[in-house]
Amino acid sequence: MASFIVSLTYIAPIDKVDALLDEHVAWLRAQHAAGHLLGWGRKVPREGGVILARGESREAVEALASQDPFVKGGVARIDVIEWAHGFLDDSIAGLAG
């Protein structure tokens, strides 16, 4: 399994984003329970978010991320970045898969 950073950038006004927030969080939790997502949070300032994911390929993670209600709802775009960790602190060693 490879590790990925999914960067979401809002492309709609924040009230449109907030209208999909509960659905987005439910999707995040479901994907975490399924073992695909390891963590997430908002960017500061609030112009998007970051999701830590793992998957078999960039294409698989892109396909998964495209199902995010923010993306499907047209309020965010995604950029999927694969990364090879050179070092992980013990507190986040789970990212290694």
N, C-alpha and C. Protein backbone atom coordinates (compact mmCIF):
# COMPACT_ATOMS: atom_id res chain seq x y z
N MET A 1 0.85 -1.19 0.00
CA MET A 1 0.00 0.00 0.00
C MET A 1 0.88 1.24 0.00
N ALA A 2 0.49 2.19 -0.77
CA ALA A 2 1.21 3.46 -0.85
C ALA A 2 0.49 4.51 -0.01
N SER A 3 1.21 5.56 0.33
CA SER A 3 0.65 6.66 1.12
C SER A 3 0.41 7.87 0.22
N PHE A 4 -0.67 8.60 0.53
CA PHE A 4 -1.07 9.73 -0.29
C PHE A 4 -1.54 10.89 0.59
N ILE A 5 -1.34 12.08 0.07
CA ILE A 5 -1.93 13.29 0.64
C ILE A 5 -2.96 13.77 -0.37
N VAL A 6 -4.19 13.91 0.07
CA VAL A 6 -5.24 14.44 -0.79
C VAL A 6 -5.49 15.87 -0.33
N SER A 7 -5.18 16.82 -1.21
CA SER A 7 -5.38 18.23 -0.90
C SER A 7 -6.69 18.68 -1.55
N LEU A 8 -7.61 19.16 -0.72
CA LEU A 8 -8.87 19.71 -1.23
C LEU A 8 -8.77 21.23 -1.23
N THR A 9 -9.22 21.83 -2.30
CA THR A 9 -9.27 23.28 -2.41
C THR A 9 -10.71 23.67 -2.70
N TYR A 10 -11.27 24.54 -1.87
CA TYR A 10 -12.64 24.98 -2.09
C TYR A 10 -12.72 25.83 -3.35
N ILE A 11 -13.75 25.58 -4.13
CA ILE A 11 -13.97 26.34 -5.36
C ILE A 11 -15.36 26.98 -5.36
N ALA A 12 -15.99 26.99 -4.19
CA ALA A 12 -17.31 27.58 -4.02
C ALA A 12 -17.32 28.38 -2.73
N PRO A 13 -18.27 29.27 -2.56
CA PRO A 13 -18.37 30.03 -1.31
C PRO A 13 -18.52 29.10 -0.10
N ILE A 14 -18.04 29.56 1.04
CA ILE A 14 -18.00 28.72 2.24
C ILE A 14 -19.39 28.27 2.68
N ASP A 15 -20.44 29.03 2.41
CA ASP A 15 -21.77 28.58 2.80
C ASP A 15 -22.19 27.36 2.00
N LYS A 16 -21.73 27.24 0.76
CA LYS A 16 -22.00 26.05 -0.06
C LYS A 16 -21.21 24.85 0.48
N VAL A 17 -19.98 25.11 0.92
CA VAL A 17 -19.16 24.06 1.54
C VAL A 17 -19.84 23.58 2.82
N ASP A 18 -20.25 24.50 3.67
CA ASP A 18 -20.87 24.14 4.94
C ASP A 18 -22.16 23.34 4.75
N ALA A 19 -22.87 23.60 3.65
CA ALA A 19 -24.10 22.86 3.39
C ALA A 19 -23.84 21.37 3.18
N LEU A 20 -22.61 21.01 2.79
CA LEU A 20 -22.26 19.61 2.56
C LEU A 20 -21.37 19.04 3.66
N LEU A 21 -21.11 19.81 4.70
CA LEU A 21 -20.14 19.41 5.71
C LEU A 21 -20.53 18.12 6.44
N ASP A 22 -21.77 17.98 6.88
CA ASP A 22 -22.16 16.76 7.59
C ASP A 22 -22.00 15.52 6.72
N GLU A 23 -22.39 15.64 5.46
CA GLU A 23 -22.25 14.52 4.52
C GLU A 23 -20.77 14.20 4.28
N HIS A 24 -19.95 15.23 4.17
CA HIS A 24 -18.51 15.07 3.98
C HIS A 24 -17.89 14.34 5.18
N VAL A 25 -18.21 14.76 6.38
CA VAL A 25 -17.65 14.13 7.59
C VAL A 25 -18.11 12.67 7.70
N ALA A 26 -19.36 12.39 7.38
CA ALA A 26 -19.84 11.01 7.40
C ALA A 26 -19.06 10.15 6.40
N TRP A 27 -18.78 10.72 5.22
CA TRP A 27 -17.99 10.01 4.21
C TRP A 27 -16.58 9.75 4.73
N LEU A 28 -15.95 10.76 5.33
CA LEU A 28 -14.61 10.59 5.90
C LEU A 28 -14.59 9.46 6.92
N ARG A 29 -15.54 9.45 7.82
CA ARG A 29 -15.59 8.42 8.87
C ARG A 29 -15.81 7.03 8.28
N ALA A 30 -16.65 6.93 7.28
CA ALA A 30 -16.90 5.64 6.63
C ALA A 30 -15.64 5.13 5.94
N GLN A 31 -14.90 6.03 5.28
CA GLN A 31 -13.67 5.63 4.59
C GLN A 31 -12.57 5.29 5.59
N HIS A 32 -12.57 5.94 6.74
CA HIS A 32 -11.62 5.57 7.80
C HIS A 32 -11.94 4.17 8.31
N ALA A 33 -13.21 3.91 8.56
CA ALA A 33 -13.62 2.58 9.04
C ALA A 33 -13.26 1.49 8.03
N ALA A 34 -13.29 1.83 6.76
CA ALA A 34 -12.94 0.88 5.70
C ALA A 34 -11.43 0.72 5.52
N GLY A 35 -10.65 1.55 6.24
CA GLY A 35 -9.20 1.43 6.19
C GLY A 35 -8.50 2.27 5.13
N HIS A 36 -9.25 3.15 4.46
CA HIS A 36 -8.66 3.96 3.38
C HIS A 36 -8.05 5.27 3.86
N LEU A 37 -8.63 5.88 4.88
CA LEU A 37 -8.19 7.19 5.34
C LEU A 37 -7.59 7.09 6.74
N LEU A 38 -6.51 7.84 6.95
CA LEU A 38 -5.79 7.79 8.22
C LEU A 38 -5.96 9.05 9.05
N GLY A 39 -6.34 10.14 8.42
CA GLY A 39 -6.52 11.40 9.14
C GLY A 39 -6.96 12.48 8.18
N TRP A 40 -7.44 13.59 8.75
CA TRP A 40 -7.90 14.71 7.93
C TRP A 40 -8.01 15.95 8.78
N GLY A 41 -8.09 17.09 8.11
CA GLY A 41 -8.27 18.35 8.82
C GLY A 41 -8.38 19.51 7.84
N ARG A 42 -8.75 20.67 8.37
CA ARG A 42 -8.90 21.88 7.57
C ARG A 42 -7.56 22.56 7.35
N LYS A 43 -7.46 23.22 6.21
CA LYS A 43 -6.32 24.11 5.99
C LYS A 43 -6.58 25.40 6.75
N VAL A 44 -5.51 26.07 7.14
CA VAL A 44 -5.60 27.36 7.81
C VAL A 44 -4.81 28.35 6.97
N PRO A 45 -5.45 29.37 6.42
CA PRO A 45 -6.86 29.73 6.57
C PRO A 45 -7.77 28.70 5.88
N ARG A 46 -9.05 28.78 6.18
CA ARG A 46 -10.02 27.78 5.74
C ARG A 46 -10.33 27.94 4.24
N GLU A 47 -9.46 27.33 3.45
CA GLU A 47 -9.64 27.38 2.00
C GLU A 47 -9.64 25.98 1.40
N GLY A 48 -9.72 24.99 2.27
CA GLY A 48 -9.74 23.61 1.83
C GLY A 48 -9.38 22.69 2.98
N GLY A 49 -8.91 21.51 2.65
CA GLY A 49 -8.55 20.54 3.67
C GLY A 49 -7.48 19.60 3.16
N VAL A 50 -7.01 18.74 4.07
CA VAL A 50 -6.00 17.74 3.76
C VAL A 50 -6.48 16.41 4.32
N ILE A 51 -6.36 15.38 3.50
CA ILE A 51 -6.72 14.02 3.90
C ILE A 51 -5.48 13.15 3.72
N LEU A 52 -5.15 12.35 4.72
CA LEU A 52 -4.07 11.36 4.62
C LEU A 52 -4.72 10.03 4.27
N ALA A 53 -4.26 9.43 3.17
CA ALA A 53 -4.89 8.22 2.66
C ALA A 53 -3.84 7.17 2.34
N ARG A 54 -4.32 5.94 2.17
CA ARG A 54 -3.46 4.88 1.65
C ARG A 54 -4.26 4.10 0.62
N GLY A 55 -3.55 3.58 -0.34
CA GLY A 55 -4.22 2.86 -1.40
C GLY A 55 -3.24 2.13 -2.27
N GLU A 56 -3.77 1.33 -3.18
CA GLU A 56 -2.94 0.53 -4.08
C GLU A 56 -2.27 1.38 -5.16
N SER A 57 -2.93 2.49 -5.54
CA SER A 57 -2.37 3.32 -6.61
C SER A 57 -2.95 4.73 -6.51
N ARG A 58 -2.31 5.66 -7.21
CA ARG A 58 -2.81 7.02 -7.28
C ARG A 58 -4.21 7.02 -7.89
N GLU A 59 -4.39 6.22 -8.92
CA GLU A 59 -5.68 6.17 -9.59
C GLU A 59 -6.78 5.69 -8.65
N ALA A 60 -6.47 4.72 -7.81
CA ALA A 60 -7.45 4.21 -6.85
C ALA A 60 -7.82 5.28 -5.83
N VAL A 61 -6.83 6.03 -5.36
CA VAL A 61 -7.09 7.08 -4.38
C VAL A 61 -7.83 8.24 -5.04
N GLU A 62 -7.48 8.57 -6.27
CA GLU A 62 -8.22 9.61 -7.00
C GLU A 62 -9.68 9.21 -7.18
N ALA A 63 -9.92 7.94 -7.52
CA ALA A 63 -11.29 7.46 -7.68
C ALA A 63 -12.05 7.54 -6.37
N LEU A 64 -11.39 7.16 -5.28
CA LEU A 64 -12.02 7.24 -3.96
C LEU A 64 -12.33 8.69 -3.61
N ALA A 65 -11.34 9.56 -3.76
CA ALA A 65 -11.51 10.97 -3.39
C ALA A 65 -12.58 11.65 -4.25
N SER A 66 -12.76 11.19 -5.45
CA SER A 66 -13.78 11.80 -6.32
C SER A 66 -15.19 11.52 -5.81
N GLN A 67 -15.31 10.58 -4.87
CA GLN A 67 -16.62 10.27 -4.29
C GLN A 67 -16.93 11.12 -3.05
N ASP A 68 -15.97 11.91 -2.61
CA ASP A 68 -16.17 12.83 -1.48
C ASP A 68 -17.34 13.76 -1.83
N PRO A 69 -18.31 13.91 -0.92
CA PRO A 69 -19.44 14.80 -1.19
C PRO A 69 -19.03 16.22 -1.56
N PHE A 70 -17.91 16.72 -1.07
CA PHE A 70 -17.44 18.04 -1.47
C PHE A 70 -17.10 18.07 -2.96
N VAL A 71 -16.47 17.00 -3.44
CA VAL A 71 -16.10 16.93 -4.85
C VAL A 71 -17.34 16.68 -5.71
N LYS A 72 -18.14 15.70 -5.31
CA LYS A 72 -19.36 15.40 -6.07
C LYS A 72 -20.31 16.59 -6.08
N GLY A 73 -20.31 17.36 -5.00
CA GLY A 73 -21.19 18.52 -4.90
C GLY A 73 -20.64 19.77 -5.58
N GLY A 74 -19.44 19.67 -6.15
CA GLY A 74 -18.88 20.78 -6.89
C GLY A 74 -18.36 21.93 -6.07
N VAL A 75 -18.03 21.67 -4.78
CA VAL A 75 -17.53 22.76 -3.94
C VAL A 75 -16.03 22.68 -3.69
N ALA A 76 -15.40 21.57 -4.13
CA ALA A 76 -13.96 21.41 -3.93
C ALA A 76 -13.36 20.62 -5.08
N ARG A 77 -12.09 20.90 -5.34
CA ARG A 77 -11.32 20.09 -6.28
C ARG A 77 -10.23 19.40 -5.48
N ILE A 78 -9.71 18.31 -6.03
CA ILE A 78 -8.69 17.54 -5.32
C ILE A 78 -7.39 17.48 -6.09
N ASP A 79 -6.32 17.33 -5.34
CA ASP A 79 -5.00 17.07 -5.88
C ASP A 79 -4.43 15.92 -5.06
N VAL A 80 -4.13 14.80 -5.70
CA VAL A 80 -3.62 13.63 -4.99
C VAL A 80 -2.12 13.56 -5.18
N ILE A 81 -1.41 13.50 -4.06
CA ILE A 81 0.04 13.49 -4.05
C ILE A 81 0.52 12.20 -3.39
N GLU A 82 1.26 11.38 -4.13
CA GLU A 82 1.85 10.19 -3.51
C GLU A 82 3.15 10.60 -2.84
N TRP A 83 3.40 10.02 -1.67
CA TRP A 83 4.65 10.35 -1.00
C TRP A 83 5.27 9.09 -0.39
N ALA A 84 6.56 9.05 -0.45
CA ALA A 84 7.33 7.95 0.12
C ALA A 84 8.01 8.47 1.37
N HIS A 85 7.59 8.00 2.52
CA HIS A 85 8.13 8.52 3.77
C HIS A 85 9.56 8.05 3.97
N GLY A 86 10.40 9.00 4.30
CA GLY A 86 11.78 8.70 4.64
C GLY A 86 11.93 8.49 6.14
N PHE A 87 11.06 9.12 6.91
CA PHE A 87 11.06 9.00 8.37
C PHE A 87 9.66 9.26 8.87
N LEU A 88 9.24 8.46 9.84
CA LEU A 88 7.98 8.69 10.54
C LEU A 88 8.22 8.56 12.03
N ASP A 89 7.80 9.55 12.78
CA ASP A 89 7.85 9.49 14.22
C ASP A 89 6.98 8.33 14.68
N ASP A 90 7.32 7.72 15.81
CA ASP A 90 6.54 6.60 16.33
C ASP A 90 5.06 6.94 16.49
N SER A 91 4.76 8.20 16.78
CA SER A 91 3.37 8.60 17.00
C SER A 91 2.53 8.53 15.72
N ILE A 92 3.18 8.48 14.56
CA ILE A 92 2.44 8.39 13.30
C ILE A 92 2.93 7.21 12.45
N ALA A 93 3.54 6.24 13.06
CA ALA A 93 4.09 5.10 12.34
C ALA A 93 3.03 4.33 11.55
N GLY A 94 1.77 4.45 11.94
CA GLY A 94 0.70 3.77 11.23
C GLY A 94 0.57 4.22 9.78
N LEU A 95 1.11 5.37 9.45
CA LEU A 95 1.07 5.85 8.07
C LEU A 95 1.88 4.96 7.13
N ALA A 96 2.79 4.20 7.69
CA ALA A 96 3.64 3.33 6.87
C ALA A 96 2.85 2.16 6.30
N GLY A 97 1.65 1.91 6.84
CA GLY A 97 0.83 0.82 6.31
C GLY A 97 1.26 -0.45 6.94
